[in-house]
Amino acid sequence: MEIVQLTAQQPDLLRQAAALLPRLFPHADDWQTLDGALAEIQHILDEGAAFAAVEGERLLGWIGALSVYDGHVWELHPLGVDPAFQGQGIGRRLVERLEEAARAVGVSTMMLGTDDEDDRTTLSLVDDLYADLWGHIARLRNLDERNPHPFSFYEQLGYRVVGIIPDANGPRKPDILMGKSMR
């Protein structure tokens, strides 16, 4: 397996990346068609950077980032690994490659949002996260360690919860905001 930069000159890899989006992100309505997913990937290529884990001509996973805050921050958006290849360190290698690229251009912070749309964290149990917001963040846990929420994957890579957006995806479906210094 190798990690390569994803570019517009790789139409087959772009189609494979687009086909992966609706499988991994069923709640992202804009990504449920090939055209919608390809438009999202093109937006990432135009406004940021993307890398793919490939084996021969097969895409195993990919990661993108959007440049925000005048280039001081990159938003990791999205990270996806084909379910057949998850648990093999591919996601970790993709994040590491993206971070390397961010540092090379002087990015200060990598940020991301990871939604809890399927009730996998303790945040989904709370009706009003605004009451004791930081307390709820401090007590944030997975509800099922056999099926952990992605926030714990990012914590293992050095990301920290820097906030939440309560009810971002509907009642008791927050977005968990995470960040990591690139310095």
C-alpha atoms as a PDB file:
ATOM      1  CA  MET A   1       0.000   0.000   0.000  1.00  0.00           C
ATOM      2  CA  GLU A   2       1.129   3.534  -0.701  1.00  0.00           C
ATOM      3  CA  ILE A   3      -0.237   6.978   0.093  1.00  0.00           C
ATOM      4  CA  VAL A   4      -0.484   9.267  -2.941  1.00  0.00           C
ATOM      5  CA  GLN A   5      -1.756  12.789  -3.424  1.00  0.00           C
ATOM      6  CA  LEU A   6      -5.220  12.725  -4.955  1.00  0.00           C
ATOM      7  CA  THR A   7      -5.549  15.030  -7.973  1.00  0.00           C
ATOM      8  CA  ALA A   8      -8.054  15.839 -10.692  1.00  0.00           C
ATOM      9  CA  GLN A   9      -5.838  13.909 -13.139  1.00  0.00           C
ATOM     10  CA  GLN A  10      -6.817  10.581 -11.521  1.00  0.00           C
ATOM     11  CA  PRO A  11     -10.425  10.065 -12.657  1.00  0.00           C
ATOM     12  CA  ASP A  12     -10.560   6.384 -11.682  1.00  0.00           C
ATOM     13  CA  LEU A  13      -9.348   7.070  -8.141  1.00  0.00           C
ATOM     14  CA  LEU A  14     -11.755  10.009  -7.876  1.00  0.00           C
ATOM     15  CA  ARG A  15     -14.685   7.764  -8.870  1.00  0.00           C
ATOM     16  CA  GLN A  16     -13.605   5.158  -6.310  1.00  0.00           C
ATOM     17  CA  ALA A  17     -13.340   7.859  -3.629  1.00  0.00           C
ATOM     18  CA  ALA A  18     -16.781   9.171  -4.574  1.00  0.00           C
ATOM     19  CA  ALA A  19     -18.289   5.677  -4.420  1.00  0.00           C
ATOM     20  CA  LEU A  20     -16.923   5.272  -0.895  1.00  0.00           C
ATOM     21  CA  LEU A  21     -18.581   8.427   0.494  1.00  0.00           C
ATOM     22  CA  PRO A  22     -22.242   7.285   0.556  1.00  0.00           C
ATOM     23  CA  ARG A  23     -21.247   3.922   2.051  1.00  0.00           C
ATOM     24  CA  LEU A  24     -19.368   5.538   4.928  1.00  0.00           C
ATOM     25  CA  PHE A  25     -21.470   8.676   5.413  1.00  0.00           C
ATOM     26  CA  PRO A  26     -25.124   7.685   4.881  1.00  0.00           C
ATOM     27  CA  HIS A  27     -26.348  10.822   6.697  1.00  0.00           C
ATOM     28  CA  ALA A  28     -24.573  13.177   4.261  1.00  0.00           C
ATOM     29  CA  ASP A  29     -27.402  13.775   1.798  1.00  0.00           C
ATOM     30  CA  ASP A  30     -25.241  15.667  -0.707  1.00  0.00           C
ATOM     31  CA  TRP A  31     -22.906  12.678  -1.050  1.00  0.00           C
ATOM     32  CA  GLN A  32     -25.502  10.014  -1.861  1.00  0.00           C
ATOM     33  CA  THR A  33     -25.190  10.376  -5.647  1.00  0.00           C
ATOM     34  CA  LEU A  34     -22.041   9.952  -7.710  1.00  0.00           C
ATOM     35  CA  ASP A  35     -22.367  13.520  -9.016  1.00  0.00           C
ATOM     36  CA  GLY A  36     -22.802  14.927  -5.502  1.00  0.00           C
ATOM     37  CA  ALA A  37     -19.858  12.964  -4.132  1.00  0.00           C
ATOM     38  CA  LEU A  38     -17.640  13.957  -7.076  1.00  0.00           C
ATOM     39  CA  ALA A  39     -18.616  17.619  -6.566  1.00  0.00           C
ATOM     40  CA  GLU A  40     -17.562  17.396  -2.908  1.00  0.00           C
ATOM     41  CA  ILE A  41     -14.219  15.866  -3.873  1.00  0.00           C
ATOM     42  CA  GLN A  42     -13.655  18.573  -6.494  1.00  0.00           C
ATOM     43  CA  HIS A  43     -14.400  21.224  -3.851  1.00  0.00           C
ATOM     44  CA  ILE A  44     -11.753  19.655  -1.595  1.00  0.00           C
ATOM     45  CA  LEU A  45      -9.214  19.538  -4.434  1.00  0.00           C
ATOM     46  CA  ASP A  46      -9.952  23.191  -5.284  1.00  0.00           C
ATOM     47  CA  GLU A  47      -9.843  24.490  -1.701  1.00  0.00           C
ATOM     48  CA  GLY A  48      -7.427  22.161   0.076  1.00  0.00           C
ATOM     49  CA  ALA A  49      -5.631  18.852  -0.297  1.00  0.00           C
ATOM     50  CA  ALA A  50      -6.445  15.157  -0.545  1.00  0.00           C
ATOM     51  CA  PHE A  51      -4.511  11.902  -0.264  1.00  0.00           C
ATOM     52  CA  ALA A  52      -5.426   8.325  -1.111  1.00  0.00           C
ATOM     53  CA  ALA A  53      -4.281   4.967   0.182  1.00  0.00           C
ATOM     54  CA  VAL A  54      -3.921   2.745  -2.855  1.00  0.00           C
ATOM     55  CA  GLU A  55      -2.877  -0.773  -3.622  1.00  0.00           C
ATOM     56  CA  GLY A  56      -2.199  -0.990  -7.317  1.00  0.00           C
ATOM     57  CA  GLU A  57      -5.199   0.673  -8.956  1.00  0.00           C
ATOM     58  CA  ARG A  58      -7.511   0.051  -5.991  1.00  0.00           C
ATOM     59  CA  LEU A  59      -8.390   2.842  -3.561  1.00  0.00           C
ATOM     60  CA  LEU A  60      -8.441   1.580   0.027  1.00  0.00           C
ATOM     61  CA  GLY A  61      -9.307   4.918   1.615  1.00  0.00           C
ATOM     62  CA  TRP A  62      -8.813   8.639   1.326  1.00  0.00           C
ATOM     63  CA  ILE A  63      -8.591  11.837   3.323  1.00  0.00           C
ATOM     64  CA  GLY A  64      -9.185  15.464   2.496  1.00  0.00           C
ATOM     65  CA  ALA A  65      -8.739  18.845   4.101  1.00  0.00           C
ATOM     66  CA  LEU A  66     -10.106  22.311   3.459  1.00  0.00           C
ATOM     67  CA  SER A  67      -8.012  25.396   4.106  1.00  0.00           C
ATOM     68  CA  VAL A  68      -9.829  27.776   6.485  1.00  0.00           C
ATOM     69  CA  TYR A  69      -8.962  30.843   8.578  1.00  0.00           C
ATOM     70  CA  ASP A  70      -6.721  32.273   5.848  1.00  0.00           C
ATOM     71  CA  GLY A  71      -4.694  29.052   5.693  1.00  0.00           C
ATOM     72  CA  HIS A  72      -3.802  28.972   9.384  1.00  0.00           C
ATOM     73  CA  VAL A  73      -6.116  26.021   9.911  1.00  0.00           C
ATOM     74  CA  TRP A  74      -7.005  22.974   7.854  1.00  0.00           C
ATOM     75  CA  GLU A  75     -10.299  21.213   8.431  1.00  0.00           C
ATOM     76  CA  LEU A  76      -9.882  17.456   8.070  1.00  0.00           C
ATOM     77  CA  HIS A  77     -12.806  16.624   5.795  1.00  0.00           C
ATOM     78  CA  PRO A  78     -13.429  13.687   5.315  1.00  0.00           C
ATOM     79  CA  LEU A  79     -11.544  10.538   6.255  1.00  0.00           C
ATOM     80  CA  GLY A  80     -12.860   7.285   4.870  1.00  0.00           C
ATOM     81  CA  VAL A  81     -11.454   3.775   4.664  1.00  0.00           C
ATOM     82  CA  ASP A  82     -13.203   0.957   2.818  1.00  0.00           C
ATOM     83  CA  PRO A  83     -14.785  -1.260   5.516  1.00  0.00           C
ATOM     84  CA  ALA A  84     -12.937  -4.285   4.105  1.00  0.00           C
ATOM     85  CA  PHE A  85      -9.642  -2.610   5.036  1.00  0.00           C
ATOM     86  CA  GLN A  86     -10.488  -0.917   8.322  1.00  0.00           C
ATOM     87  CA  GLY A  87      -8.457  -1.776  11.397  1.00  0.00           C
ATOM     88  CA  GLN A  88      -5.200  -2.107   9.442  1.00  0.00           C
ATOM     89  CA  GLY A  89      -3.730   1.324  10.199  1.00  0.00           C
ATOM     90  CA  ILE A  90      -4.750   2.896   6.888  1.00  0.00           C
ATOM     91  CA  GLY A  91      -6.719   5.718   8.525  1.00  0.00           C
ATOM     92  CA  ARG A  92      -3.806   6.496  10.818  1.00  0.00           C
ATOM     93  CA  ARG A  93      -1.376   6.639   7.882  1.00  0.00           C
ATOM     94  CA  LEU A  94      -3.715   8.910   5.928  1.00  0.00           C
ATOM     95  CA  VAL A  95      -4.032  11.316   8.875  1.00  0.00           C
ATOM     96  CA  GLU A  96      -0.252  11.319   9.354  1.00  0.00           C
ATOM     97  CA  ARG A  97       0.307  12.118   5.657  1.00  0.00           C
ATOM     98  CA  LEU A  98      -2.233  14.943   5.763  1.00  0.00           C
ATOM     99  CA  GLU A  99      -0.595  16.379   8.881  1.00  0.00           C
ATOM    100  CA  GLU A 100       2.812  16.206   7.179  1.00  0.00           C
ATOM    101  CA  ALA A 101       1.433  18.200   4.224  1.00  0.00           C
ATOM    102  CA  ALA A 102      -0.170  20.731   6.576  1.00  0.00           C
ATOM    103  CA  ARG A 103       3.078  21.297   8.466  1.00  0.00           C
ATOM    104  CA  ALA A 104       4.978  21.696   5.176  1.00  0.00           C
ATOM    105  CA  VAL A 105       2.860  24.720   4.253  1.00  0.00           C
ATOM    106  CA  GLY A 106       2.840  26.275   7.731  1.00  0.00           C
ATOM    107  CA  VAL A 107      -0.631  25.290   8.950  1.00  0.00           C
ATOM    108  CA  SER A 108      -0.947  25.941  12.703  1.00  0.00           C
ATOM    109  CA  THR A 109      -3.957  23.773  13.584  1.00  0.00           C
ATOM    110  CA  MET A 110      -5.799  20.800  12.165  1.00  0.00           C
ATOM    111  CA  MET A 111      -9.467  20.702  13.139  1.00  0.00           C
ATOM    112  CA  LEU A 112     -12.363  18.380  12.463  1.00  0.00           C
ATOM    113  CA  GLY A 113     -15.961  17.776  13.338  1.00  0.00           C
ATOM    114  CA  THR A 114     -17.198  14.270  14.013  1.00  0.00           C
ATOM    115  CA  ASP A 115     -20.960  13.956  14.323  1.00  0.00           C
ATOM    116  CA  ASP A 116     -22.733  11.684  16.770  1.00  0.00           C
ATOM    117  CA  GLU A 117     -25.735  10.994  14.582  1.00  0.00           C
ATOM    118  CA  ASP A 118     -26.204   7.404  15.708  1.00  0.00           C
ATOM    119  CA  ASP A 119     -26.142   7.704  19.514  1.00  0.00           C
ATOM    120  CA  ARG A 120     -22.636   6.324  20.106  1.00  0.00           C
ATOM    121  CA  THR A 121     -21.450   8.742  22.804  1.00  0.00           C
ATOM    122  CA  THR A 122     -22.652   9.940  26.179  1.00  0.00           C
ATOM    123  CA  LEU A 123     -23.446  13.299  24.574  1.00  0.00           C
ATOM    124  CA  SER A 124     -26.413  11.712  22.789  1.00  0.00           C
ATOM    125  CA  LEU A 125     -27.990  10.925  26.173  1.00  0.00           C
ATOM    126  CA  VAL A 126     -28.276  14.581  27.197  1.00  0.00           C
ATOM    127  CA  ASP A 127     -31.338  16.674  26.327  1.00  0.00           C
ATOM    128  CA  ASP A 128     -29.660  20.034  27.013  1.00  0.00           C
ATOM    129  CA  LEU A 129     -25.915  20.061  26.419  1.00  0.00           C
ATOM    130  CA  TYR A 130     -25.811  23.818  27.013  1.00  0.00           C
ATOM    131  CA  ALA A 131     -26.395  23.181  30.710  1.00  0.00           C
ATOM    132  CA  ASP A 132     -22.920  22.193  31.961  1.00  0.00           C
ATOM    133  CA  LEU A 133     -21.454  22.110  28.441  1.00  0.00           C
ATOM    134  CA  TRP A 134     -17.817  21.641  29.507  1.00  0.00           C
ATOM    135  CA  GLY A 135     -18.830  19.095  32.137  1.00  0.00           C
ATOM    136  CA  HIS A 136     -20.494  16.975  29.449  1.00  0.00           C
ATOM    137  CA  ILE A 137     -17.378  17.290  27.304  1.00  0.00           C
ATOM    138  CA  ALA A 138     -15.164  16.256  30.250  1.00  0.00           C
ATOM    139  CA  ARG A 139     -17.327  13.162  30.791  1.00  0.00           C
ATOM    140  CA  LEU A 140     -17.512  12.263  27.083  1.00  0.00           C
ATOM    141  CA  ARG A 141     -17.308   8.494  26.588  1.00  0.00           C
ATOM    142  CA  ASN A 142     -18.256   5.832  24.061  1.00  0.00           C
ATOM    143  CA  LEU A 143     -21.496   4.029  24.859  1.00  0.00           C
ATOM    144  CA  ASP A 144     -20.205   0.764  23.354  1.00  0.00           C
ATOM    145  CA  GLU A 145     -16.442   0.145  23.322  1.00  0.00           C
ATOM    146  CA  ARG A 146     -16.957  -2.620  20.744  1.00  0.00           C
ATOM    147  CA  ASN A 147     -18.317   0.018  18.356  1.00  0.00           C
ATOM    148  CA  PRO A 148     -16.482   3.208  19.370  1.00  0.00           C
ATOM    149  CA  HIS A 149     -17.305   6.608  17.969  1.00  0.00           C
ATOM    150  CA  PRO A 150     -14.571   8.076  15.725  1.00  0.00           C
ATOM    151  CA  PHE A 151     -13.690  10.725  18.346  1.00  0.00           C
ATOM    152  CA  SER A 152     -11.694   8.058  20.211  1.00  0.00           C
ATOM    153  CA  PHE A 153      -9.687   7.211  17.056  1.00  0.00           C
ATOM    154  CA  TYR A 154      -8.746  10.870  16.714  1.00  0.00           C
ATOM    155  CA  GLU A 155      -7.870  11.106  20.419  1.00  0.00           C
ATOM    156  CA  GLN A 156      -5.350   8.288  19.892  1.00  0.00           C
ATOM    157  CA  LEU A 157      -3.743  10.464  17.204  1.00  0.00           C
ATOM    158  CA  GLY A 158      -3.376  13.440  19.547  1.00  0.00           C
ATOM    159  CA  TYR A 159      -6.581  15.345  18.749  1.00  0.00           C
ATOM    160  CA  ARG A 160      -8.501  16.908  21.628  1.00  0.00           C
ATOM    161  CA  VAL A 161     -12.127  17.877  21.962  1.00  0.00           C
ATOM    162  CA  VAL A 162     -12.223  21.667  21.706  1.00  0.00           C
ATOM    163  CA  GLY A 163     -16.001  22.062  21.729  1.00  0.00           C
ATOM    164  CA  ILE A 164     -19.317  20.686  20.599  1.00  0.00           C
ATOM    165  CA  ILE A 165     -22.263  21.982  18.646  1.00  0.00           C
ATOM    166  CA  PRO A 166     -25.332  20.697  20.465  1.00  0.00           C
ATOM    167  CA  ASP A 167     -28.170  19.406  18.281  1.00  0.00           C
ATOM    168  CA  ALA A 168     -26.170  20.127  15.087  1.00  0.00           C
ATOM    169  CA  ASN A 169     -27.835  17.195  13.346  1.00  0.00           C
ATOM    170  CA  GLY A 170     -31.126  17.226  15.239  1.00  0.00           C
ATOM    171  CA  PRO A 171     -32.081  16.765  18.886  1.00  0.00           C
ATOM    172  CA  ARG A 172     -29.351  14.921  20.854  1.00  0.00           C
ATOM    173  CA  LYS A 173     -27.164  14.594  17.747  1.00  0.00           C
ATOM    174  CA  PRO A 174     -24.175  16.873  18.379  1.00  0.00           C
ATOM    175  CA  ASP A 175     -21.104  17.603  16.326  1.00  0.00           C
ATOM    176  CA  ILE A 176     -17.920  16.986  18.313  1.00  0.00           C
ATOM    177  CA  LEU A 177     -15.225  19.520  17.403  1.00  0.00           C
ATOM    178  CA  MET A 178     -11.609  18.413  17.716  1.00  0.00           C
ATOM    179  CA  GLY A 179      -8.260  20.041  17.081  1.00  0.00           C
ATOM    180  CA  LYS A 180      -4.524  19.390  17.112  1.00  0.00           C
ATOM    181  CA  SER A 181      -1.545  21.718  16.906  1.00  0.00           C
ATOM    182  CA  MET A 182       0.591  21.258  13.798  1.00  0.00           C
ATOM    183  CA  ARG A 183       3.590  22.997  15.373  1.00  0.00           C
END
